[in-house]
């Protein structure tokens, strides 16, 4: 992360129009990329749970979903800060912003549904359904600016304005830094999930002995 901060605030040049405010772009893209990565992992884990009924996949999906919600929240916070400077409004209901907000709500519902069910396999099954539904929204988020071509900028592709090479270097380093952060948080989240499951198993064993 220190390397990314150096690349963003010292190495990369200032953008001519937005100046310092443009710096938030690097963190916005870095968190957006890793939010998508997290939800891809959720999707794979959900499919594997439905196929095998092994709760280890449910724990993996839940851990990644937590981090995905965190990164999506950061996307929804950094986006309006950039938008205020670029469009003179904190929020506009253009397709990419709206579809990202819908994605956030779907995964909030994922946790609400799980919290309402006590039995582990039923909880995992309902969570898997919501996890798969949420993943189906990710292509919409990505393709929205290619289909509708409204306010949201297109950095790469035929319609994109491109980036100064030094800005591109800073962006790549920042994306890698957030990916490393995602992997670190996943390791910690999985440790917590596995510890929680071991505690539940221990409680169940004690109750069975007492009965």
N, C-alpha and C. Protein backbone atom coordinates (compact mmCIF):
# COMPACT_ATOMS: atom_id res chain seq x y z
N UNK A 1 0.82 -1.20 0.00
CA UNK A 1 0.00 0.00 0.00
C UNK A 1 0.87 1.26 0.00
N UNK A 2 2.01 1.22 0.67
CA UNK A 2 2.89 2.39 0.68
C UNK A 2 3.39 2.71 -0.73
N UNK A 3 3.68 1.65 -1.49
CA UNK A 3 4.13 1.86 -2.87
C UNK A 3 3.03 2.53 -3.70
N UNK A 4 1.79 2.10 -3.48
CA UNK A 4 0.68 2.69 -4.24
C UNK A 4 0.48 4.15 -3.86
N UNK A 5 0.64 4.48 -2.58
CA UNK A 5 0.51 5.88 -2.14
C UNK A 5 1.58 6.75 -2.79
N UNK A 6 2.79 6.21 -2.87
CA UNK A 6 3.87 6.95 -3.54
C UNK A 6 3.53 7.17 -5.02
N UNK A 7 3.08 6.10 -5.68
CA UNK A 7 2.77 6.19 -7.11
C UNK A 7 1.65 7.19 -7.37
N UNK A 8 0.64 7.19 -6.50
CA UNK A 8 -0.52 8.05 -6.71
C UNK A 8 -0.20 9.51 -6.42
N UNK A 9 0.43 9.78 -5.28
CA UNK A 9 0.57 11.17 -4.83
C UNK A 9 1.89 11.83 -5.24
N UNK A 10 2.88 11.06 -5.62
CA UNK A 10 4.17 11.65 -5.99
C UNK A 10 4.54 11.34 -7.44
N UNK A 11 4.43 10.07 -7.84
CA UNK A 11 4.87 9.67 -9.17
C UNK A 11 3.93 10.15 -10.27
N UNK A 12 2.63 9.91 -10.11
CA UNK A 12 1.67 10.24 -11.16
C UNK A 12 1.48 11.76 -11.26
N UNK A 13 1.42 12.30 -12.48
CA UNK A 13 1.22 13.75 -12.64
C UNK A 13 -0.21 14.15 -12.31
N UNK A 14 -0.39 15.45 -12.06
CA UNK A 14 -1.73 15.97 -11.81
C UNK A 14 -2.52 16.02 -13.12
N UNK A 15 -3.79 15.68 -13.03
CA UNK A 15 -4.68 15.80 -14.19
C UNK A 15 -4.98 17.29 -14.39
N UNK A 16 -5.05 17.73 -15.63
CA UNK A 16 -5.11 19.17 -15.94
C UNK A 16 -6.37 19.85 -15.43
N UNK A 17 -7.50 19.16 -15.45
CA UNK A 17 -8.77 19.79 -15.10
C UNK A 17 -9.11 19.59 -13.63
N UNK A 18 -9.12 18.33 -13.18
CA UNK A 18 -9.57 18.02 -11.82
C UNK A 18 -8.46 18.15 -10.77
N UNK A 19 -7.22 18.21 -11.23
CA UNK A 19 -6.09 18.39 -10.32
C UNK A 19 -6.05 17.32 -9.24
N UNK A 20 -5.95 17.74 -7.96
CA UNK A 20 -5.78 16.79 -6.86
C UNK A 20 -6.96 15.83 -6.70
N UNK A 21 -8.16 16.30 -7.03
CA UNK A 21 -9.35 15.46 -6.85
C UNK A 21 -9.26 14.19 -7.70
N UNK A 22 -8.57 14.27 -8.83
CA UNK A 22 -8.46 13.11 -9.72
C UNK A 22 -7.74 11.95 -9.04
N UNK A 23 -6.95 12.24 -8.01
CA UNK A 23 -6.19 11.18 -7.34
C UNK A 23 -7.10 10.10 -6.76
N UNK A 24 -8.33 10.47 -6.45
CA UNK A 24 -9.25 9.48 -5.87
C UNK A 24 -9.60 8.40 -6.88
N UNK A 25 -9.43 8.71 -8.16
CA UNK A 25 -9.71 7.75 -9.23
C UNK A 25 -8.97 6.43 -9.03
N UNK A 26 -7.71 6.50 -8.61
CA UNK A 26 -6.89 5.29 -8.46
C UNK A 26 -7.48 4.35 -7.39
N UNK A 27 -7.92 4.95 -6.30
CA UNK A 27 -8.50 4.14 -5.22
C UNK A 27 -9.90 3.65 -5.59
N UNK A 28 -10.61 4.47 -6.35
CA UNK A 28 -11.96 4.08 -6.81
C UNK A 28 -11.87 2.85 -7.71
N UNK A 29 -10.96 2.87 -8.65
CA UNK A 29 -10.80 1.73 -9.56
C UNK A 29 -10.25 0.52 -8.82
N UNK A 30 -9.28 0.74 -7.92
CA UNK A 30 -8.71 -0.37 -7.16
C UNK A 30 -9.73 -1.10 -6.31
N UNK A 31 -10.60 -0.35 -5.65
CA UNK A 31 -11.64 -0.98 -4.83
C UNK A 31 -12.71 -1.63 -5.71
N UNK A 32 -13.03 -1.00 -6.84
CA UNK A 32 -14.05 -1.58 -7.74
C UNK A 32 -13.57 -2.91 -8.30
N UNK A 33 -12.32 -2.97 -8.73
CA UNK A 33 -11.76 -4.22 -9.26
C UNK A 33 -11.84 -5.33 -8.23
N UNK A 34 -11.48 -5.02 -7.00
CA UNK A 34 -11.43 -6.06 -5.98
C UNK A 34 -12.80 -6.40 -5.42
N UNK A 35 -13.75 -5.48 -5.52
CA UNK A 35 -15.13 -5.82 -5.20
C UNK A 35 -15.63 -6.88 -6.18
N UNK A 36 -15.34 -6.67 -7.47
CA UNK A 36 -15.72 -7.66 -8.48
C UNK A 36 -15.02 -8.99 -8.24
N UNK A 37 -13.73 -8.95 -7.93
CA UNK A 37 -12.98 -10.17 -7.64
C UNK A 37 -13.59 -10.92 -6.46
N UNK A 38 -13.94 -10.19 -5.41
CA UNK A 38 -14.53 -10.81 -4.22
C UNK A 38 -15.83 -11.51 -4.56
N UNK A 39 -16.66 -10.89 -5.40
CA UNK A 39 -17.95 -11.49 -5.72
C UNK A 39 -17.82 -12.64 -6.71
N UNK A 40 -16.76 -12.64 -7.52
CA UNK A 40 -16.47 -13.82 -8.35
C UNK A 40 -16.15 -15.01 -7.45
N UNK A 41 -15.35 -14.77 -6.41
CA UNK A 41 -15.02 -15.83 -5.45
C UNK A 41 -16.29 -16.31 -4.74
N UNK A 42 -17.17 -15.37 -4.38
CA UNK A 42 -18.45 -15.75 -3.76
C UNK A 42 -19.24 -16.66 -4.69
N UNK A 43 -19.31 -16.29 -5.97
CA UNK A 43 -20.06 -17.09 -6.94
C UNK A 43 -19.51 -18.51 -7.04
N UNK A 44 -18.19 -18.62 -7.18
CA UNK A 44 -17.56 -19.95 -7.28
C UNK A 44 -17.84 -20.76 -6.02
N UNK A 45 -17.70 -20.12 -4.85
CA UNK A 45 -17.94 -20.81 -3.59
C UNK A 45 -19.40 -21.26 -3.46
N UNK A 46 -20.32 -20.42 -3.92
CA UNK A 46 -21.75 -20.77 -3.85
C UNK A 46 -22.07 -21.98 -4.74
N UNK A 47 -21.53 -21.97 -5.94
CA UNK A 47 -21.75 -23.09 -6.86
C UNK A 47 -21.17 -24.38 -6.27
N UNK A 48 -19.97 -24.29 -5.72
CA UNK A 48 -19.33 -25.48 -5.14
C UNK A 48 -20.09 -25.98 -3.92
N UNK A 49 -20.65 -25.05 -3.13
CA UNK A 49 -21.44 -25.51 -1.98
C UNK A 49 -22.69 -26.24 -2.45
N UNK A 50 -23.41 -25.66 -3.42
CA UNK A 50 -24.63 -26.31 -3.91
C UNK A 50 -24.33 -27.68 -4.51
N UNK A 51 -23.14 -27.84 -5.07
CA UNK A 51 -22.76 -29.11 -5.68
C UNK A 51 -22.34 -30.14 -4.64
N UNK A 52 -21.60 -29.70 -3.61
CA UNK A 52 -21.00 -30.64 -2.66
C UNK A 52 -21.67 -30.67 -1.29
N UNK A 53 -22.40 -29.57 -0.95
CA UNK A 53 -22.99 -29.41 0.39
C UNK A 53 -21.93 -29.38 1.49
N UNK A 54 -20.72 -29.02 1.12
CA UNK A 54 -19.62 -28.91 2.09
C UNK A 54 -19.59 -27.48 2.62
N UNK A 55 -19.73 -27.33 3.93
CA UNK A 55 -19.83 -26.00 4.53
C UNK A 55 -18.54 -25.18 4.42
N UNK A 56 -17.43 -25.81 4.07
CA UNK A 56 -16.20 -25.03 3.91
C UNK A 56 -16.35 -24.03 2.76
N UNK A 57 -17.13 -24.39 1.74
CA UNK A 57 -17.36 -23.47 0.63
C UNK A 57 -18.27 -22.34 1.06
N UNK A 58 -19.22 -22.63 1.93
CA UNK A 58 -20.07 -21.57 2.45
C UNK A 58 -19.25 -20.57 3.26
N UNK A 59 -18.32 -21.07 4.06
CA UNK A 59 -17.47 -20.17 4.85
C UNK A 59 -16.60 -19.31 3.94
N UNK A 60 -16.08 -19.91 2.88
CA UNK A 60 -15.28 -19.15 1.91
C UNK A 60 -16.13 -18.05 1.27
N UNK A 61 -17.35 -18.40 0.85
CA UNK A 61 -18.22 -17.42 0.22
C UNK A 61 -18.60 -16.29 1.15
N UNK A 62 -18.91 -16.63 2.40
CA UNK A 62 -19.28 -15.59 3.37
C UNK A 62 -18.11 -14.64 3.61
N UNK A 63 -16.92 -15.20 3.78
CA UNK A 63 -15.74 -14.37 4.04
C UNK A 63 -15.49 -13.41 2.88
N UNK A 64 -15.58 -13.92 1.65
CA UNK A 64 -15.34 -13.07 0.49
C UNK A 64 -16.45 -12.05 0.31
N UNK A 65 -17.69 -12.42 0.64
CA UNK A 65 -18.81 -11.48 0.54
C UNK A 65 -18.63 -10.31 1.49
N UNK A 66 -18.14 -10.57 2.69
CA UNK A 66 -17.90 -9.49 3.65
C UNK A 66 -16.92 -8.47 3.08
N UNK A 67 -15.84 -8.97 2.49
CA UNK A 67 -14.83 -8.07 1.92
C UNK A 67 -15.38 -7.38 0.68
N UNK A 68 -16.18 -8.10 -0.11
CA UNK A 68 -16.80 -7.50 -1.28
C UNK A 68 -17.71 -6.35 -0.92
N UNK A 69 -18.49 -6.51 0.14
CA UNK A 69 -19.37 -5.42 0.60
C UNK A 69 -18.53 -4.23 1.06
N UNK A 70 -17.43 -4.52 1.76
CA UNK A 70 -16.54 -3.44 2.20
C UNK A 70 -16.00 -2.66 1.01
N UNK A 71 -15.49 -3.36 0.00
CA UNK A 71 -14.93 -2.68 -1.16
C UNK A 71 -16.02 -1.94 -1.96
N UNK A 72 -17.21 -2.54 -2.07
CA UNK A 72 -18.29 -1.87 -2.79
C UNK A 72 -18.72 -0.60 -2.07
N UNK A 73 -18.72 -0.65 -0.74
CA UNK A 73 -19.03 0.55 0.04
C UNK A 73 -18.01 1.65 -0.26
N UNK A 74 -16.73 1.28 -0.34
CA UNK A 74 -15.69 2.26 -0.67
C UNK A 74 -15.88 2.81 -2.09
N UNK A 75 -16.33 1.96 -3.01
CA UNK A 75 -16.62 2.42 -4.37
C UNK A 75 -17.73 3.47 -4.34
N UNK A 76 -18.78 3.19 -3.57
CA UNK A 76 -19.93 4.10 -3.49
C UNK A 76 -19.62 5.38 -2.73
N UNK A 77 -18.58 5.36 -1.92
CA UNK A 77 -18.15 6.57 -1.20
C UNK A 77 -17.21 7.41 -2.07
N UNK A 78 -16.23 6.76 -2.69
CA UNK A 78 -15.26 7.51 -3.50
C UNK A 78 -15.86 8.03 -4.80
N UNK A 79 -16.81 7.29 -5.36
CA UNK A 79 -17.43 7.71 -6.61
C UNK A 79 -18.08 9.09 -6.53
N UNK A 80 -18.97 9.32 -5.55
CA UNK A 80 -19.59 10.64 -5.44
C UNK A 80 -18.61 11.78 -5.18
N UNK A 81 -17.51 11.50 -4.48
CA UNK A 81 -16.51 12.55 -4.25
C UNK A 81 -15.92 12.99 -5.59
N UNK A 82 -15.63 12.01 -6.44
CA UNK A 82 -15.13 12.32 -7.78
C UNK A 82 -16.21 13.00 -8.61
N UNK A 83 -17.45 12.50 -8.51
CA UNK A 83 -18.56 13.01 -9.32
C UNK A 83 -18.86 14.48 -9.01
N UNK A 84 -18.73 14.85 -7.75
CA UNK A 84 -19.01 16.24 -7.36
C UNK A 84 -18.11 17.20 -8.11
N UNK A 85 -16.87 16.83 -8.28
CA UNK A 85 -15.93 17.68 -9.00
C UNK A 85 -16.13 17.60 -10.51
N UNK A 86 -16.41 16.40 -11.01
CA UNK A 86 -16.52 16.20 -12.46
C UNK A 86 -17.86 16.65 -13.02
N UNK A 87 -18.95 16.34 -12.30
CA UNK A 87 -20.29 16.60 -12.81
C UNK A 87 -21.06 17.64 -12.01
N UNK A 88 -20.44 18.15 -10.94
CA UNK A 88 -21.08 19.12 -10.05
C UNK A 88 -22.33 18.56 -9.37
N UNK A 89 -22.31 17.26 -9.09
CA UNK A 89 -23.40 16.63 -8.34
C UNK A 89 -22.82 15.42 -7.62
N UNK A 90 -23.35 15.16 -6.43
CA UNK A 90 -22.85 14.02 -5.65
C UNK A 90 -23.32 12.69 -6.22
N UNK A 91 -24.48 12.70 -6.84
CA UNK A 91 -25.04 11.43 -7.33
C UNK A 91 -25.88 11.69 -8.57
N UNK A 92 -25.81 10.77 -9.52
CA UNK A 92 -26.69 10.79 -10.68
C UNK A 92 -27.09 9.35 -10.97
N UNK A 93 -28.33 9.16 -11.37
CA UNK A 93 -28.84 7.80 -11.56
C UNK A 93 -28.46 7.26 -12.94
N UNK A 94 -27.19 7.34 -13.25
CA UNK A 94 -26.74 6.76 -14.52
C UNK A 94 -26.48 5.26 -14.32
N UNK A 95 -26.45 4.47 -15.40
CA UNK A 95 -26.47 3.01 -15.29
C UNK A 95 -25.39 2.39 -14.41
N UNK A 96 -24.13 2.83 -14.52
CA UNK A 96 -23.09 2.16 -13.74
C UNK A 96 -23.26 2.43 -12.25
N UNK A 97 -23.56 3.65 -11.88
CA UNK A 97 -23.76 3.96 -10.46
C UNK A 97 -24.95 3.20 -9.90
N UNK A 98 -26.04 3.19 -10.66
CA UNK A 98 -27.25 2.52 -10.19
C UNK A 98 -27.04 1.01 -10.07
N UNK A 99 -26.41 0.40 -11.06
CA UNK A 99 -26.19 -1.05 -11.01
C UNK A 99 -25.22 -1.43 -9.89
N UNK A 100 -24.26 -0.55 -9.59
CA UNK A 100 -23.35 -0.81 -8.46
C UNK A 100 -24.10 -0.74 -7.14
N UNK A 101 -25.00 0.23 -7.01
CA UNK A 101 -25.82 0.34 -5.80
C UNK A 101 -26.71 -0.89 -5.64
N UNK A 102 -27.30 -1.36 -6.74
CA UNK A 102 -28.12 -2.58 -6.70
C UNK A 102 -27.28 -3.77 -6.25
N UNK A 103 -26.05 -3.87 -6.76
CA UNK A 103 -25.14 -4.94 -6.35
C UNK A 103 -24.90 -4.91 -4.84
N UNK A 104 -24.68 -3.72 -4.31
CA UNK A 104 -24.46 -3.55 -2.86
C UNK A 104 -25.67 -4.03 -2.07
N UNK A 105 -26.87 -3.65 -2.53
CA UNK A 105 -28.10 -4.05 -1.83
C UNK A 105 -28.29 -5.57 -1.87
N UNK A 106 -27.95 -6.20 -2.99
CA UNK A 106 -28.11 -7.65 -3.10
C UNK A 106 -27.25 -8.36 -2.06
N UNK A 107 -26.02 -7.90 -1.89
CA UNK A 107 -25.15 -8.58 -0.93
C UNK A 107 -25.44 -8.19 0.51
N UNK A 108 -26.04 -7.03 0.74
CA UNK A 108 -26.57 -6.73 2.07
C UNK A 108 -27.70 -7.71 2.38
N UNK A 109 -28.57 -7.95 1.37
CA UNK A 109 -29.66 -8.93 1.54
C UNK A 109 -29.10 -10.32 1.80
N UNK A 110 -27.97 -10.65 1.18
CA UNK A 110 -27.29 -11.93 1.40
C UNK A 110 -27.04 -12.15 2.89
N UNK A 111 -26.55 -11.12 3.56
CA UNK A 111 -26.26 -11.25 5.00
C UNK A 111 -27.52 -11.21 5.85
N UNK A 112 -28.51 -10.41 5.43
CA UNK A 112 -29.76 -10.35 6.18
C UNK A 112 -30.48 -11.70 6.15
N UNK A 113 -30.51 -12.32 4.98
CA UNK A 113 -31.16 -13.63 4.85
C UNK A 113 -30.43 -14.67 5.68
N UNK A 114 -29.13 -14.67 5.62
CA UNK A 114 -28.35 -15.62 6.41
C UNK A 114 -28.59 -15.43 7.91
N UNK A 115 -28.70 -14.17 8.32
CA UNK A 115 -28.90 -13.89 9.73
C UNK A 115 -30.26 -14.31 10.25
N UNK A 116 -31.21 -14.49 9.33
CA UNK A 116 -32.57 -14.85 9.74
C UNK A 116 -32.77 -16.36 9.86
N UNK A 117 -31.76 -17.15 9.49
CA UNK A 117 -31.87 -18.61 9.50
C UNK A 117 -30.82 -19.19 10.44
N UNK A 118 -31.24 -20.15 11.26
CA UNK A 118 -30.32 -20.72 12.25
C UNK A 118 -29.59 -21.96 11.72
N UNK A 119 -30.31 -22.83 11.02
CA UNK A 119 -29.72 -24.10 10.59
C UNK A 119 -28.66 -23.86 9.51
N UNK A 120 -27.49 -24.44 9.69
CA UNK A 120 -26.33 -24.10 8.86
C UNK A 120 -26.52 -24.38 7.38
N UNK A 121 -27.04 -25.55 7.03
CA UNK A 121 -27.15 -25.90 5.62
C UNK A 121 -28.25 -25.10 4.93
N UNK A 122 -29.34 -24.83 5.64
CA UNK A 122 -30.39 -23.99 5.04
C UNK A 122 -29.87 -22.57 4.85
N UNK A 123 -29.15 -22.08 5.85
CA UNK A 123 -28.53 -20.76 5.75
C UNK A 123 -27.58 -20.70 4.55
N UNK A 124 -26.77 -21.74 4.39
CA UNK A 124 -25.80 -21.77 3.30
C UNK A 124 -26.49 -21.84 1.95
N UNK A 125 -27.58 -22.59 1.87
CA UNK A 125 -28.31 -22.72 0.60
C UNK A 125 -28.94 -21.40 0.19
N UNK A 126 -29.60 -20.73 1.13
CA UNK A 126 -30.19 -19.42 0.82
C UNK A 126 -29.11 -18.41 0.47
N UNK A 127 -28.00 -18.45 1.21
CA UNK A 127 -26.90 -17.55 0.90
C UNK A 127 -26.33 -17.80 -0.49
N UNK A 128 -26.25 -19.07 -0.88
CA UNK A 128 -25.73 -19.42 -2.20
C UNK A 128 -26.62 -18.86 -3.30
N UNK A 129 -27.93 -18.92 -3.09
CA UNK A 129 -28.86 -18.38 -4.09
C UNK A 129 -28.64 -16.88 -4.27
N UNK A 130 -28.55 -16.15 -3.16
CA UNK A 130 -28.33 -14.71 -3.24
C UNK A 130 -26.95 -14.39 -3.80
N UNK A 131 -25.95 -15.21 -3.45
CA UNK A 131 -24.61 -14.99 -3.98
C UNK A 131 -24.56 -15.12 -5.49
N UNK A 132 -25.29 -16.10 -6.02
CA UNK A 132 -25.32 -16.30 -7.47
C UNK A 132 -26.11 -15.19 -8.16
N UNK A 133 -27.23 -14.77 -7.55
CA UNK A 133 -28.01 -13.66 -8.11
C UNK A 133 -27.16 -12.39 -8.16
N UNK A 134 -26.43 -12.13 -7.08
CA UNK A 134 -25.59 -10.95 -7.04
C UNK A 134 -24.52 -10.97 -8.12
N UNK A 135 -23.94 -12.13 -8.36
CA UNK A 135 -22.91 -12.25 -9.38
C UNK A 135 -23.46 -11.91 -10.77
N UNK A 136 -24.71 -12.27 -11.02
CA UNK A 136 -25.33 -11.99 -12.32
C UNK A 136 -25.40 -10.50 -12.62
N UNK A 137 -25.32 -9.67 -11.57
CA UNK A 137 -25.36 -8.22 -11.76
C UNK A 137 -24.01 -7.64 -12.17
N UNK A 138 -22.92 -8.38 -11.93
CA UNK A 138 -21.58 -7.85 -12.21
C UNK A 138 -21.37 -7.55 -13.70
N UNK A 139 -21.78 -8.44 -14.64
CA UNK A 139 -21.64 -8.08 -16.06
C UNK A 139 -22.42 -6.82 -16.43
N UNK A 140 -23.55 -6.59 -15.76
CA UNK A 140 -24.34 -5.38 -16.03
C UNK A 140 -23.55 -4.15 -15.60
N UNK A 141 -22.91 -4.24 -14.43
CA UNK A 141 -22.08 -3.12 -13.95
C UNK A 141 -20.97 -2.82 -14.96
N UNK A 142 -20.30 -3.86 -15.43
CA UNK A 142 -19.18 -3.67 -16.35
C UNK A 142 -19.64 -3.15 -17.72
N UNK A 143 -20.70 -3.75 -18.27
CA UNK A 143 -21.12 -3.43 -19.63
C UNK A 143 -21.93 -2.15 -19.73
N UNK A 144 -22.39 -1.62 -18.59
CA UNK A 144 -23.30 -0.47 -18.61
C UNK A 144 -22.73 0.71 -19.39
N UNK A 145 -21.45 1.04 -19.18
CA UNK A 145 -20.90 2.21 -19.88
C UNK A 145 -20.63 1.92 -21.35
N UNK A 146 -20.52 0.64 -21.72
CA UNK A 146 -20.33 0.28 -23.13
C UNK A 146 -21.66 0.30 -23.88
N UNK A 147 -22.74 -0.01 -23.17
CA UNK A 147 -24.05 -0.07 -23.81
C UNK A 147 -24.69 1.31 -23.90
N UNK A 148 -24.71 2.03 -22.76
CA UNK A 148 -25.42 3.31 -22.72
C UNK A 148 -24.53 4.52 -22.97
N UNK A 149 -23.24 4.44 -22.66
CA UNK A 149 -22.29 5.52 -22.93
C UNK A 149 -22.78 6.87 -22.41
N UNK A 150 -23.06 6.94 -21.13
CA UNK A 150 -23.53 8.19 -20.53
C UNK A 150 -22.38 8.89 -19.80
N UNK A 151 -22.64 9.37 -18.58
CA UNK A 151 -21.66 10.22 -17.89
C UNK A 151 -20.38 9.50 -17.49
N UNK A 152 -20.50 8.27 -17.03
CA UNK A 152 -19.35 7.60 -16.43
C UNK A 152 -18.23 7.44 -17.45
N UNK A 153 -17.00 7.84 -17.11
CA UNK A 153 -15.91 7.77 -18.09
C UNK A 153 -15.51 6.34 -18.42
N UNK A 154 -15.04 6.14 -19.65
CA UNK A 154 -14.51 4.85 -20.08
C UNK A 154 -13.00 5.02 -20.25
N UNK A 155 -12.24 4.39 -19.35
CA UNK A 155 -10.79 4.58 -19.37
C UNK A 155 -10.12 3.75 -20.45
N UNK A 156 -10.60 2.50 -20.58
CA UNK A 156 -10.01 1.59 -21.56
C UNK A 156 -11.04 1.25 -22.62
N UNK A 157 -10.59 0.81 -23.78
CA UNK A 157 -11.49 0.41 -24.84
C UNK A 157 -11.60 1.48 -25.91
N UNK A 158 -12.42 1.18 -26.93
CA UNK A 158 -12.51 2.05 -28.10
C UNK A 158 -13.08 3.42 -27.77
N UNK A 159 -13.91 3.48 -26.71
CA UNK A 159 -14.51 4.77 -26.37
C UNK A 159 -13.77 5.51 -25.29
N UNK A 160 -12.68 4.96 -24.81
CA UNK A 160 -11.98 5.55 -23.68
C UNK A 160 -11.04 6.66 -24.10
N UNK A 161 -10.78 7.57 -23.14
CA UNK A 161 -9.89 8.67 -23.41
C UNK A 161 -8.44 8.32 -23.18
N UNK A 162 -8.18 7.17 -22.58
CA UNK A 162 -6.82 6.76 -22.33
C UNK A 162 -6.25 7.43 -21.10
N UNK A 163 -5.06 6.97 -20.69
CA UNK A 163 -4.37 7.51 -19.52
C UNK A 163 -2.94 7.85 -19.89
N UNK A 164 -2.43 8.88 -19.25
CA UNK A 164 -1.00 9.17 -19.34
C UNK A 164 -0.24 7.94 -18.83
N UNK A 165 0.86 7.55 -19.48
CA UNK A 165 1.58 6.34 -19.05
C UNK A 165 1.92 6.30 -17.57
N UNK A 166 2.31 7.44 -16.99
CA UNK A 166 2.64 7.46 -15.57
C UNK A 166 1.40 7.24 -14.71
N UNK A 167 0.26 7.75 -15.17
CA UNK A 167 -1.00 7.51 -14.47
C UNK A 167 -1.38 6.04 -14.54
N UNK A 168 -1.14 5.44 -15.71
CA UNK A 168 -1.43 4.02 -15.88
C UNK A 168 -0.56 3.18 -14.95
N UNK A 169 0.70 3.53 -14.82
CA UNK A 169 1.59 2.81 -13.90
C UNK A 169 1.06 2.89 -12.47
N UNK A 170 0.64 4.09 -12.06
CA UNK A 170 0.11 4.28 -10.71
C UNK A 170 -1.17 3.47 -10.51
N UNK A 171 -2.00 3.42 -11.55
CA UNK A 171 -3.25 2.65 -11.45
C UNK A 171 -2.95 1.16 -11.29
N UNK A 172 -2.03 0.64 -12.07
CA UNK A 172 -1.70 -0.79 -12.00
C UNK A 172 -1.16 -1.15 -10.62
N UNK A 173 -0.26 -0.33 -10.10
CA UNK A 173 0.31 -0.59 -8.77
C UNK A 173 -0.79 -0.54 -7.71
N UNK A 174 -1.71 0.41 -7.83
CA UNK A 174 -2.79 0.54 -6.85
C UNK A 174 -3.73 -0.65 -6.90
N UNK A 175 -4.06 -1.11 -8.10
CA UNK A 175 -4.92 -2.30 -8.22
C UNK A 175 -4.25 -3.51 -7.59
N UNK A 176 -2.96 -3.68 -7.84
CA UNK A 176 -2.23 -4.80 -7.23
C UNK A 176 -2.18 -4.66 -5.71
N UNK A 177 -2.03 -3.44 -5.22
CA UNK A 177 -1.98 -3.21 -3.77
C UNK A 177 -3.31 -3.59 -3.12
N UNK A 178 -4.42 -3.21 -3.75
CA UNK A 178 -5.73 -3.56 -3.20
C UNK A 178 -6.00 -5.06 -3.33
N UNK A 179 -5.45 -5.68 -4.38
CA UNK A 179 -5.59 -7.13 -4.51
C UNK A 179 -4.84 -7.84 -3.39
N UNK A 180 -3.66 -7.34 -3.06
CA UNK A 180 -2.91 -7.90 -1.93
C UNK A 180 -3.67 -7.70 -0.62
N UNK A 181 -4.31 -6.54 -0.48
CA UNK A 181 -5.12 -6.28 0.71
C UNK A 181 -6.30 -7.25 0.78
N UNK A 182 -6.93 -7.49 -0.37
CA UNK A 182 -8.04 -8.46 -0.41
C UNK A 182 -7.57 -9.84 0.05
N UNK A 183 -6.44 -10.29 -0.45
CA UNK A 183 -5.93 -11.61 -0.07
C UNK A 183 -5.60 -11.67 1.42
N UNK A 184 -5.05 -10.60 1.95
CA UNK A 184 -4.73 -10.55 3.38
C UNK A 184 -6.02 -10.61 4.21
N UNK A 185 -7.01 -9.80 3.82
CA UNK A 185 -8.28 -9.79 4.56
C UNK A 185 -8.99 -11.14 4.44
N UNK A 186 -8.87 -11.78 3.28
CA UNK A 186 -9.48 -13.10 3.11
C UNK A 186 -8.86 -14.11 4.07
N UNK A 187 -7.55 -14.06 4.20
CA UNK A 187 -6.87 -14.98 5.12
C UNK A 187 -7.39 -14.79 6.54
N UNK A 188 -7.51 -13.54 6.97
CA UNK A 188 -8.00 -13.26 8.32
C UNK A 188 -9.47 -13.64 8.48
N UNK A 189 -10.28 -13.33 7.46
CA UNK A 189 -11.71 -13.63 7.53
C UNK A 189 -11.95 -15.13 7.56
N UNK A 190 -11.19 -15.89 6.78
CA UNK A 190 -11.34 -17.34 6.78
C UNK A 190 -10.93 -17.94 8.12
N UNK A 191 -9.89 -17.39 8.72
CA UNK A 191 -9.48 -17.85 10.05
C UNK A 191 -10.61 -17.64 11.06
N UNK A 192 -11.26 -16.48 10.99
CA UNK A 192 -12.39 -16.19 11.89
C UNK A 192 -13.55 -17.14 11.62
N UNK A 193 -13.88 -17.35 10.33
CA UNK A 193 -14.99 -18.24 9.98
C UNK A 193 -14.72 -19.67 10.44
N UNK A 194 -13.52 -20.16 10.23
CA UNK A 194 -13.18 -21.52 10.65
C UNK A 194 -13.18 -21.65 12.17
N UNK A 195 -12.71 -20.62 12.86
CA UNK A 195 -12.72 -20.64 14.32
C UNK A 195 -14.14 -20.63 14.85
N UNK A 196 -15.02 -19.86 14.19
CA UNK A 196 -16.42 -19.83 14.60
C UNK A 196 -17.07 -21.20 14.42
N UNK A 197 -16.74 -21.87 13.30
CA UNK A 197 -17.30 -23.19 13.06
C UNK A 197 -16.79 -24.21 14.08
N UNK A 198 -15.51 -24.13 14.42
CA UNK A 198 -14.95 -25.03 15.43
C UNK A 198 -15.61 -24.82 16.78
N UNK A 199 -15.90 -23.57 17.12
CA UNK A 199 -16.57 -23.26 18.38
C UNK A 199 -17.99 -23.83 18.39
N UNK A 200 -18.70 -23.69 17.27
CA UNK A 200 -20.05 -24.25 17.18
C UNK A 200 -20.01 -25.77 17.32
N UNK A 201 -19.05 -26.40 16.67
CA UNK A 201 -18.93 -27.86 16.77
C UNK A 201 -18.63 -28.29 18.20
N UNK A 202 -17.79 -27.52 18.89
CA UNK A 202 -17.46 -27.83 20.28
C UNK A 202 -18.68 -27.68 21.18
N UNK A 203 -19.45 -26.62 20.97
CA UNK A 203 -20.67 -26.41 21.76
C UNK A 203 -21.66 -27.56 21.53
N UNK A 204 -21.79 -27.97 20.27
CA UNK A 204 -22.70 -29.07 19.95
C UNK A 204 -22.26 -30.36 20.62
N UNK A 205 -20.95 -30.62 20.61
CA UNK A 205 -20.43 -31.84 21.25
C UNK A 205 -20.67 -31.82 22.75
N UNK A 206 -20.51 -30.66 23.37
CA UNK A 206 -20.75 -30.54 24.82
C UNK A 206 -22.21 -30.77 25.14
N UNK A 207 -23.12 -30.19 24.33
CA UNK A 207 -24.55 -30.38 24.57
C UNK A 207 -24.94 -31.85 24.43
N UNK A 208 -24.38 -32.51 23.42
CA UNK A 208 -24.69 -33.93 23.23
C UNK A 208 -24.22 -34.78 24.40
N UNK A 209 -23.06 -34.42 24.95
CA UNK A 209 -22.55 -35.16 26.11
C UNK A 209 -23.44 -34.95 27.33
N UNK A 210 -23.90 -33.70 27.51
CA UNK A 210 -24.74 -33.39 28.67
C UNK A 210 -26.11 -34.05 28.55
N UNK A 211 -26.59 -34.19 27.31
CA UNK A 211 -27.89 -34.83 27.11
C UNK A 211 -27.79 -36.34 27.32
